[in-house]
Amino acid sequence: MKALIAALAGLLVLTACGVDGEPVKPSYSTKTTFGYNSKTGSFNRTSIGVTIGN
């Protein structure tokens, strides 16, 4: 069990330091829509997007 924990900790350290390549910065986007529907009244719609990489 200790060996498994040590191996996972080692992988975490290697991943965090960027040994597998340059760190990739995520990009975030949001879109909010306000509107009015004659049957249901006013509404709002929000979408959130996250893209990792290009």
C-alpha atoms as a PDB file:
ATOM      1  CA  MET A   1       0.000   0.000   0.000  1.00  0.00           C
ATOM      2  CA  LYS A   2       2.861   2.376   0.819  1.00  0.00           C
ATOM      3  CA  ALA A   3       4.465   1.639  -2.556  1.00  0.00           C
ATOM      4  CA  LEU A   4       1.233   2.486  -4.363  1.00  0.00           C
ATOM      5  CA  ILE A   5       0.908   5.782  -2.510  1.00  0.00           C
ATOM      6  CA  ALA A   6       4.553   6.619  -3.231  1.00  0.00           C
ATOM      7  CA  ALA A   7       4.088   5.830  -6.940  1.00  0.00           C
ATOM      8  CA  LEU A   8       0.969   8.004  -7.180  1.00  0.00           C
ATOM      9  CA  ALA A   9       2.725  10.854  -5.366  1.00  0.00           C
ATOM     10  CA  GLY A  10       5.663  10.547  -7.771  1.00  0.00           C
ATOM     11  CA  LEU A  11       3.362  10.742 -10.788  1.00  0.00           C
ATOM     12  CA  LEU A  12       1.636  13.765  -9.309  1.00  0.00           C
ATOM     13  CA  VAL A  13       4.977  15.555  -8.825  1.00  0.00           C
ATOM     14  CA  LEU A  14       6.113  14.750 -12.372  1.00  0.00           C
ATOM     15  CA  THR A  15       2.829  15.953 -13.830  1.00  0.00           C
ATOM     16  CA  ALA A  16       2.865  19.142 -11.782  1.00  0.00           C
ATOM     17  CA  CYS A  17       6.400  20.106 -12.795  1.00  0.00           C
ATOM     18  CA  GLY A  18       5.668  19.859 -16.525  1.00  0.00           C
ATOM     19  CA  VAL A  19       7.975  16.943 -17.363  1.00  0.00           C
ATOM     20  CA  ASP A  20       5.309  15.660 -19.770  1.00  0.00           C
ATOM     21  CA  GLY A  21       5.394  18.908 -21.797  1.00  0.00           C
ATOM     22  CA  GLU A  22       4.613  22.576 -21.486  1.00  0.00           C
ATOM     23  CA  PRO A  23       1.770  23.458 -19.141  1.00  0.00           C
ATOM     24  CA  VAL A  24      -1.483  24.117 -21.000  1.00  0.00           C
ATOM     25  CA  LYS A  25      -3.543  27.075 -19.903  1.00  0.00           C
ATOM     26  CA  PRO A  26      -7.302  26.541 -20.084  1.00  0.00           C
ATOM     27  CA  SER A  27      -9.551  29.184 -21.605  1.00  0.00           C
ATOM     28  CA  TYR A  28     -12.989  30.033 -20.260  1.00  0.00           C
ATOM     29  CA  SER A  29     -15.988  31.559 -21.989  1.00  0.00           C
ATOM     30  CA  THR A  30     -19.452  32.586 -20.876  1.00  0.00           C
ATOM     31  CA  LYS A  31     -22.526  33.694 -22.745  1.00  0.00           C
ATOM     32  CA  THR A  32     -25.664  35.129 -21.175  1.00  0.00           C
ATOM     33  CA  THR A  33     -28.917  35.664 -23.048  1.00  0.00           C
ATOM     34  CA  PHE A  34     -31.892  37.631 -21.748  1.00  0.00           C
ATOM     35  CA  GLY A  35     -35.195  37.428 -23.546  1.00  0.00           C
ATOM     36  CA  TYR A  36     -38.940  37.526 -23.359  1.00  0.00           C
ATOM     37  CA  ASN A  37     -41.381  34.829 -24.432  1.00  0.00           C
ATOM     38  CA  SER A  38     -45.026  35.797 -24.941  1.00  0.00           C
ATOM     39  CA  LYS A  39     -46.257  32.575 -23.295  1.00  0.00           C
ATOM     40  CA  THR A  40     -43.866  32.118 -20.354  1.00  0.00           C
ATOM     41  CA  GLY A  41     -42.554  35.645 -19.784  1.00  0.00           C
ATOM     42  CA  SER A  42     -38.976  36.720 -19.348  1.00  0.00           C
ATOM     43  CA  PHE A  43     -36.073  34.278 -19.242  1.00  0.00           C
ATOM     44  CA  ASN A  44     -32.319  34.176 -19.048  1.00  0.00           C
ATOM     45  CA  ARG A  45     -29.934  31.549 -20.318  1.00  0.00           C
ATOM     46  CA  THR A  46     -26.266  31.251 -19.356  1.00  0.00           C
ATOM     47  CA  SER A  47     -23.745  28.879 -20.896  1.00  0.00           C
ATOM     48  CA  ILE A  48     -20.224  28.352 -19.594  1.00  0.00           C
ATOM     49  CA  GLY A  49     -17.447  26.730 -21.608  1.00  0.00           C
ATOM     50  CA  VAL A  50     -13.972  25.496 -20.724  1.00  0.00           C
ATOM     51  CA  THR A  51     -11.406  24.573 -23.367  1.00  0.00           C
ATOM     52  CA  ILE A  52      -8.068  22.965 -22.505  1.00  0.00           C
ATOM     53  CA  GLY A  53      -5.454  23.242 -25.210  1.00  0.00           C
ATOM     54  CA  ASN A  54      -5.796  24.878 -28.596  1.00  0.00           C
END
